[in-house]
Protein backbone atom coordinates (compact mmCIF):
# COMPACT_ATOMS: atom_id res chain seq x y z
CA UNK A 1 -75.74 -2.48 -5.38
CA UNK A 2 -72.06 -4.16 -4.71
CA UNK A 3 -70.52 -5.19 -8.56
CA UNK A 4 -69.66 -9.05 -8.15
CA UNK A 5 -66.08 -8.58 -9.13
CA UNK A 6 -65.41 -7.68 -5.82
CA UNK A 7 -66.13 -10.41 -3.83
CA UNK A 8 -64.91 -13.66 -2.98
CA UNK A 9 -66.38 -16.88 -2.28
CA UNK A 10 -65.21 -18.78 0.34
CA UNK A 11 -66.28 -21.80 1.96
CA UNK A 12 -69.99 -20.76 0.58
CA UNK A 13 -69.06 -17.06 2.60
CA UNK A 14 -68.55 -14.01 0.06
CA UNK A 15 -66.26 -11.85 1.54
CA UNK A 16 -64.16 -8.70 -0.10
CA UNK A 17 -60.98 -8.57 -0.03
CA UNK A 18 -60.63 -6.08 2.39
CA UNK A 19 -61.81 -8.06 4.42
CA UNK A 20 -59.98 -11.79 3.87
CA UNK A 21 -57.36 -9.31 4.30
CA UNK A 22 -58.34 -8.17 7.55
CA UNK A 23 -58.29 -11.20 8.88
CA UNK A 24 -55.24 -12.84 7.88
CA UNK A 25 -53.48 -9.69 8.25
CA UNK A 26 -53.82 -10.56 12.07
CA UNK A 27 -52.77 -13.64 11.87
CA UNK A 28 -49.22 -12.86 10.28
CA UNK A 29 -48.09 -10.32 12.64
CA UNK A 30 -49.26 -12.28 15.12
CA UNK A 31 -46.93 -15.57 14.06
CA UNK A 32 -43.65 -13.51 13.00
CA UNK A 33 -42.54 -12.22 16.27
CA UNK A 34 -43.02 -16.50 17.05
CA UNK A 35 -41.14 -17.32 14.53
CA UNK A 36 -38.36 -15.01 14.54
CA UNK A 37 -38.09 -16.08 18.05
CA UNK A 38 -38.12 -19.86 17.01
CA UNK A 39 -35.17 -19.49 14.64
CA UNK A 40 -32.93 -18.31 16.96
CA UNK A 41 -32.18 -21.10 18.77
CA UNK A 42 -30.58 -22.74 16.49
CA UNK A 43 -27.56 -19.97 16.97
CA UNK A 44 -26.66 -22.13 20.14
CA UNK A 45 -23.12 -23.59 19.56
CA UNK A 46 -22.69 -27.50 21.09
CA UNK A 47 -20.75 -25.66 23.90
CA UNK A 48 -23.15 -23.07 25.40
CA UNK A 49 -25.30 -25.90 24.93
CA UNK A 50 -23.87 -28.59 26.76
CA UNK A 51 -22.75 -26.21 29.37
CA UNK A 52 -26.26 -25.08 29.65
CA UNK A 53 -26.33 -28.52 30.56
CA UNK A 54 -23.40 -28.86 33.53
CA UNK A 55 -24.62 -26.42 34.75
CA UNK A 56 -28.26 -27.39 34.94
CA UNK A 57 -26.79 -30.79 36.20
CA UNK A 58 -23.84 -29.33 38.87
CA UNK A 59 -22.02 -31.41 37.21
CA UNK A 60 -17.74 -30.09 36.06
CA UNK A 61 -17.43 -33.05 33.59
CA UNK A 62 -19.37 -34.37 30.28
CA UNK A 63 -18.83 -37.27 31.50
CA UNK A 64 -20.99 -36.83 34.26
CA UNK A 65 -23.90 -35.74 32.75
CA UNK A 66 -27.16 -37.93 32.53
CA UNK A 67 -29.21 -38.15 30.22
CA UNK A 68 -32.03 -39.32 31.70
CA UNK A 69 -32.09 -35.43 33.29
CA UNK A 70 -31.41 -33.82 30.21
CA UNK A 71 -34.24 -31.82 28.81
CA UNK A 72 -36.23 -32.35 25.77
CA UNK A 73 -35.32 -28.48 25.57
CA UNK A 74 -31.80 -29.08 26.10
CA UNK A 75 -31.67 -32.46 23.60
CA UNK A 76 -33.57 -30.03 20.32
CA UNK A 77 -31.73 -27.56 21.13
CA UNK A 78 -27.91 -29.79 21.11
CA UNK A 79 -29.58 -31.71 18.10
CA UNK A 80 -30.21 -28.52 16.37
CA UNK A 81 -26.58 -27.26 17.53
CA UNK A 82 -25.16 -29.98 15.88
CA UNK A 83 -26.66 -29.67 13.10
CA UNK A 84 -25.85 -26.26 12.82
CA UNK A 85 -21.56 -27.59 12.84
CA UNK A 86 -22.70 -30.28 10.13
CA UNK A 87 -24.13 -28.50 7.62
CA UNK A 88 -23.04 -24.74 8.49
CA UNK A 89 -25.00 -21.59 9.03
CA UNK A 90 -27.87 -21.75 6.33
CA UNK A 91 -27.23 -18.10 5.62
């Protein structure tokens, strides 16, 4: 017989602490690298992103950039670069 203190009730299902850990731990191990990779994109400067945009559009000056041709990802990276320049490094 299992002592009643070792089981935890979750959504009507009795689970031991070890079972909960075995369910949660793999999810955390999968999510952690994804969060680290996502955070790396915030370290790009405005100049780096603008350079990428000008290269992808085969133009030489910022004035020649077509906003319609800028991808959503490039807009996100540019916005992150601007925020980084405005508020500084968060570390």
